[in-house]
Amino acid sequence: MDDFINFRKLITPSIIKVVFWVSSVICITAGIVLIASSFGSYGGGATAFLSGLLITLLGPLVLRIFCETVFVVFKIFENTSSIEKLKSGSKKR
């Protein structure tokens, strides 16, 4: 509990995973809705279809890259913290 209160234990990496999956489901659903609605439109059906296809395929990929970038920042923090602990432990000896 002390680690949590003093921000040595972070909850954001767990939240990032949930945000990724929820956002991926939203992208896929929005893409499928756009693809389905493209069949009912007369003028811009091809544009809506291609937009829906791109959102369905590239949306989760772009989200994954973004979430991994944020996740790397937290991994760097964890590694820096562990190096700090190792350095402080060796100074006590």
N, C-alpha and C. Protein backbone atom coordinates (compact mmCIF):
# COMPACT_ATOMS: atom_id res chain seq x y z
N MET A 1 0.82 -1.19 0.00
CA MET A 1 0.00 0.00 0.00
C MET A 1 0.87 1.27 0.00
N ASP A 2 2.01 1.18 0.68
CA ASP A 2 2.91 2.32 0.74
C ASP A 2 3.46 2.66 -0.65
N ASP A 3 3.75 1.62 -1.45
CA ASP A 3 4.22 1.87 -2.82
C ASP A 3 3.17 2.58 -3.65
N PHE A 4 1.92 2.22 -3.46
CA PHE A 4 0.82 2.85 -4.20
C PHE A 4 0.67 4.32 -3.81
N ILE A 5 0.73 4.60 -2.53
CA ILE A 5 0.55 5.97 -2.04
C ILE A 5 1.71 6.86 -2.48
N ASN A 6 2.91 6.31 -2.51
CA ASN A 6 4.10 7.09 -2.88
C ASN A 6 4.43 7.01 -4.37
N PHE A 7 3.51 6.51 -5.17
CA PHE A 7 3.64 6.45 -6.63
C PHE A 7 4.82 5.59 -7.10
N ARG A 8 5.21 4.60 -6.30
CA ARG A 8 6.21 3.65 -6.78
C ARG A 8 5.55 2.51 -7.53
N LYS A 9 4.29 2.29 -7.26
CA LYS A 9 3.48 1.31 -7.99
C LYS A 9 2.48 2.10 -8.82
N LEU A 10 2.51 1.90 -10.15
CA LEU A 10 1.67 2.69 -11.04
C LEU A 10 0.50 1.85 -11.54
N ILE A 11 -0.66 2.49 -11.67
CA ILE A 11 -1.84 1.79 -12.17
C ILE A 11 -2.10 2.09 -13.64
N THR A 12 -1.45 3.10 -14.18
CA THR A 12 -1.70 3.50 -15.56
C THR A 12 -1.38 2.42 -16.58
N PRO A 13 -0.30 1.63 -16.42
CA PRO A 13 -0.07 0.56 -17.40
C PRO A 13 -1.24 -0.42 -17.52
N SER A 14 -1.90 -0.71 -16.42
CA SER A 14 -3.08 -1.58 -16.49
C SER A 14 -4.24 -0.89 -17.19
N ILE A 15 -4.39 0.40 -16.94
CA ILE A 15 -5.47 1.16 -17.57
C ILE A 15 -5.24 1.28 -19.07
N ILE A 16 -3.98 1.40 -19.48
CA ILE A 16 -3.67 1.52 -20.91
C ILE A 16 -4.15 0.29 -21.67
N LYS A 17 -4.01 -0.88 -21.08
CA LYS A 17 -4.46 -2.12 -21.74
C LYS A 17 -5.97 -2.11 -21.93
N VAL A 18 -6.69 -1.66 -20.93
CA VAL A 18 -8.15 -1.60 -21.03
C VAL A 18 -8.56 -0.57 -22.08
N VAL A 19 -7.90 0.59 -22.08
CA VAL A 19 -8.21 1.63 -23.05
C VAL A 19 -7.97 1.12 -24.47
N PHE A 20 -6.89 0.37 -24.67
CA PHE A 20 -6.61 -0.17 -25.99
C PHE A 20 -7.73 -1.09 -26.47
N TRP A 21 -8.15 -2.03 -25.63
CA TRP A 21 -9.17 -2.98 -26.06
C TRP A 21 -10.52 -2.31 -26.28
N VAL A 22 -10.89 -1.39 -25.42
CA VAL A 22 -12.16 -0.69 -25.61
C VAL A 22 -12.12 0.16 -26.88
N SER A 23 -11.01 0.86 -27.10
CA SER A 23 -10.88 1.68 -28.30
C SER A 23 -10.84 0.83 -29.56
N SER A 24 -10.23 -0.33 -29.50
CA SER A 24 -10.20 -1.23 -30.65
C SER A 24 -11.60 -1.71 -31.01
N VAL A 25 -12.38 -2.06 -30.01
CA VAL A 25 -13.76 -2.48 -30.26
C VAL A 25 -14.56 -1.33 -30.88
N ILE A 26 -14.35 -0.12 -30.39
CA ILE A 26 -15.05 1.04 -30.94
C ILE A 26 -14.63 1.27 -32.40
N CYS A 27 -13.34 1.17 -32.70
CA CYS A 27 -12.87 1.36 -34.09
C CYS A 27 -13.47 0.30 -35.02
N ILE A 28 -13.44 -0.94 -34.60
CA ILE A 28 -13.96 -2.02 -35.44
C ILE A 28 -15.46 -1.85 -35.65
N THR A 29 -16.17 -1.50 -34.59
CA THR A 29 -17.62 -1.29 -34.71
C THR A 29 -17.93 -0.11 -35.62
N ALA A 30 -17.20 0.99 -35.44
CA ALA A 30 -17.42 2.17 -36.30
C ALA A 30 -17.10 1.85 -37.75
N GLY A 31 -16.04 1.10 -37.98
CA GLY A 31 -15.69 0.71 -39.35
C GLY A 31 -16.74 -0.16 -39.99
N ILE A 32 -17.26 -1.11 -39.24
CA ILE A 32 -18.31 -1.99 -39.78
C ILE A 32 -19.58 -1.21 -40.06
N VAL A 33 -19.92 -0.27 -39.17
CA VAL A 33 -21.11 0.56 -39.39
C VAL A 33 -20.93 1.41 -40.65
N LEU A 34 -19.75 1.98 -40.84
CA LEU A 34 -19.49 2.77 -42.05
C LEU A 34 -19.57 1.90 -43.31
N ILE A 35 -19.02 0.71 -43.24
CA ILE A 35 -19.08 -0.19 -44.40
C ILE A 35 -20.53 -0.55 -44.71
N ALA A 36 -21.29 -0.87 -43.66
CA ALA A 36 -22.70 -1.23 -43.86
C ALA A 36 -23.51 -0.05 -44.39
N SER A 37 -23.22 1.15 -43.91
CA SER A 37 -23.99 2.31 -44.37
C SER A 37 -23.60 2.72 -45.79
N SER A 38 -22.43 2.30 -46.23
CA SER A 38 -22.00 2.67 -47.58
C SER A 38 -22.85 1.99 -48.64
N PHE A 39 -23.43 0.86 -48.31
CA PHE A 39 -24.26 0.15 -49.29
C PHE A 39 -25.61 0.82 -49.49
N GLY A 40 -26.04 1.64 -48.55
CA GLY A 40 -27.31 2.32 -48.67
C GLY A 40 -27.23 3.71 -49.26
N SER A 41 -26.02 4.24 -49.44
CA SER A 41 -25.90 5.60 -49.97
C SER A 41 -25.64 5.57 -51.47
N TYR A 42 -26.12 6.61 -52.13
CA TYR A 42 -26.03 6.64 -53.59
C TYR A 42 -24.76 7.34 -54.08
N GLY A 43 -24.44 8.49 -53.49
CA GLY A 43 -23.34 9.29 -54.01
C GLY A 43 -21.98 8.91 -53.49
N GLY A 44 -21.82 8.84 -52.19
CA GLY A 44 -20.50 8.64 -51.60
C GLY A 44 -20.30 7.26 -51.02
N GLY A 45 -20.85 6.26 -51.63
CA GLY A 45 -20.75 4.90 -51.10
C GLY A 45 -19.34 4.36 -51.10
N ALA A 46 -18.59 4.67 -52.14
CA ALA A 46 -17.21 4.17 -52.22
C ALA A 46 -16.33 4.82 -51.17
N THR A 47 -16.52 6.10 -50.95
CA THR A 47 -15.72 6.81 -49.95
C THR A 47 -16.03 6.29 -48.55
N ALA A 48 -17.29 6.08 -48.24
CA ALA A 48 -17.68 5.56 -46.93
C ALA A 48 -17.16 4.14 -46.75
N PHE A 49 -17.21 3.35 -47.81
CA PHE A 49 -16.73 1.97 -47.73
C PHE A 49 -15.23 1.94 -47.46
N LEU A 50 -14.47 2.73 -48.20
CA LEU A 50 -13.02 2.75 -47.99
C LEU A 50 -12.66 3.33 -46.62
N SER A 51 -13.39 4.34 -46.19
CA SER A 51 -13.14 4.90 -44.86
C SER A 51 -13.41 3.86 -43.78
N GLY A 52 -14.50 3.15 -43.92
CA GLY A 52 -14.82 2.10 -42.96
C GLY A 52 -13.79 0.98 -42.95
N LEU A 53 -13.31 0.63 -44.12
CA LEU A 53 -12.29 -0.41 -44.22
C LEU A 53 -10.99 0.03 -43.57
N LEU A 54 -10.60 1.28 -43.82
CA LEU A 54 -9.37 1.80 -43.21
C LEU A 54 -9.50 1.90 -41.69
N ILE A 55 -10.65 2.35 -41.21
CA ILE A 55 -10.85 2.46 -39.76
C ILE A 55 -10.82 1.08 -39.12
N THR A 56 -11.43 0.10 -39.78
CA THR A 56 -11.46 -1.25 -39.24
C THR A 56 -10.07 -1.88 -39.19
N LEU A 57 -9.28 -1.67 -40.24
CA LEU A 57 -7.98 -2.32 -40.31
C LEU A 57 -6.87 -1.52 -39.64
N LEU A 58 -6.82 -0.21 -39.89
CA LEU A 58 -5.71 0.59 -39.39
C LEU A 58 -5.97 1.20 -38.01
N GLY A 59 -7.23 1.35 -37.64
CA GLY A 59 -7.55 1.95 -36.34
C GLY A 59 -6.92 1.22 -35.17
N PRO A 60 -7.14 -0.10 -35.03
CA PRO A 60 -6.49 -0.82 -33.93
C PRO A 60 -4.96 -0.81 -34.01
N LEU A 61 -4.42 -0.81 -35.21
CA LEU A 61 -2.97 -0.77 -35.35
C LEU A 61 -2.40 0.56 -34.85
N VAL A 62 -3.01 1.66 -35.24
CA VAL A 62 -2.56 2.98 -34.78
C VAL A 62 -2.74 3.11 -33.27
N LEU A 63 -3.85 2.61 -32.76
CA LEU A 63 -4.08 2.63 -31.31
C LEU A 63 -3.02 1.82 -30.58
N ARG A 64 -2.66 0.67 -31.13
CA ARG A 64 -1.64 -0.18 -30.50
C ARG A 64 -0.30 0.55 -30.44
N ILE A 65 0.07 1.20 -31.53
CA ILE A 65 1.34 1.93 -31.56
C ILE A 65 1.32 3.06 -30.53
N PHE A 66 0.21 3.78 -30.44
CA PHE A 66 0.10 4.87 -29.47
C PHE A 66 0.19 4.32 -28.04
N CYS A 67 -0.56 3.27 -27.75
CA CYS A 67 -0.56 2.71 -26.40
C CYS A 67 0.81 2.14 -26.03
N GLU A 68 1.49 1.51 -26.99
CA GLU A 68 2.83 0.99 -26.71
C GLU A 68 3.80 2.12 -26.43
N THR A 69 3.65 3.24 -27.12
CA THR A 69 4.51 4.39 -26.88
C THR A 69 4.32 4.91 -25.46
N VAL A 70 3.09 5.02 -25.03
CA VAL A 70 2.82 5.47 -23.66
C VAL A 70 3.33 4.44 -22.66
N PHE A 71 3.14 3.16 -22.99
CA PHE A 71 3.56 2.08 -22.10
C PHE A 71 5.08 2.07 -21.93
N VAL A 72 5.82 2.40 -22.99
CA VAL A 72 7.28 2.44 -22.93
C VAL A 72 7.74 3.49 -21.93
N VAL A 73 7.05 4.61 -21.88
CA VAL A 73 7.41 5.65 -20.91
C VAL A 73 7.32 5.09 -19.49
N PHE A 74 6.29 4.33 -19.21
CA PHE A 74 6.14 3.76 -17.87
C PHE A 74 7.16 2.66 -17.61
N LYS A 75 7.53 1.91 -18.61
CA LYS A 75 8.57 0.89 -18.45
C LYS A 75 9.91 1.56 -18.16
N ILE A 76 10.18 2.67 -18.81
CA ILE A 76 11.41 3.41 -18.53
C ILE A 76 11.41 3.88 -17.08
N PHE A 77 10.27 4.34 -16.60
CA PHE A 77 10.16 4.76 -15.20
C PHE A 77 10.44 3.59 -14.26
N GLU A 78 9.86 2.42 -14.56
CA GLU A 78 10.08 1.25 -13.71
C GLU A 78 11.55 0.84 -13.71
N ASN A 79 12.17 0.85 -14.87
CA ASN A 79 13.58 0.48 -14.95
C ASN A 79 14.47 1.49 -14.22
N THR A 80 14.13 2.76 -14.34
CA THR A 80 14.89 3.79 -13.63
C THR A 80 14.72 3.62 -12.12
N SER A 81 13.53 3.29 -11.69
CA SER A 81 13.29 3.07 -10.26
C SER A 81 14.08 1.88 -9.75
N SER A 82 14.13 0.80 -10.53
CA SER A 82 14.89 -0.37 -10.08
C SER A 82 16.39 -0.09 -10.07
N ILE A 83 16.89 0.71 -11.00
CA ILE A 83 18.30 1.10 -10.99
C ILE A 83 18.58 1.96 -9.75
N GLU A 84 17.66 2.85 -9.45
CA GLU A 84 17.79 3.70 -8.25
C GLU A 84 17.85 2.85 -6.99
N LYS A 85 17.01 1.83 -6.91
CA LYS A 85 17.02 0.94 -5.73
C LYS A 85 18.34 0.19 -5.65
N LEU A 86 18.84 -0.28 -6.79
CA LEU A 86 20.13 -0.99 -6.79
C LEU A 86 21.27 -0.08 -6.36
N LYS A 87 21.25 1.16 -6.84
CA LYS A 87 22.31 2.10 -6.48
C LYS A 87 22.25 2.45 -5.00
N SER A 88 21.05 2.67 -4.48
CA SER A 88 20.94 3.01 -3.06
C SER A 88 21.28 1.82 -2.17
N GLY A 89 21.02 0.61 -2.66
CA GLY A 89 21.39 -0.59 -1.88
C GLY A 89 22.87 -0.80 -1.84
N SER A 90 23.58 -0.46 -2.91
CA SER A 90 25.03 -0.66 -2.93
C SER A 90 25.76 0.42 -2.13
N LYS A 91 25.16 1.60 -1.96
CA LYS A 91 25.79 2.66 -1.18
C LYS A 91 25.73 2.37 0.32
N LYS A 92 24.73 1.59 0.75
CA LYS A 92 24.59 1.27 2.17
C LYS A 92 25.64 0.29 2.63
N ARG A 93 26.21 -0.47 1.73
CA ARG A 93 27.19 -1.50 2.12
C ARG A 93 28.52 -0.94 2.37
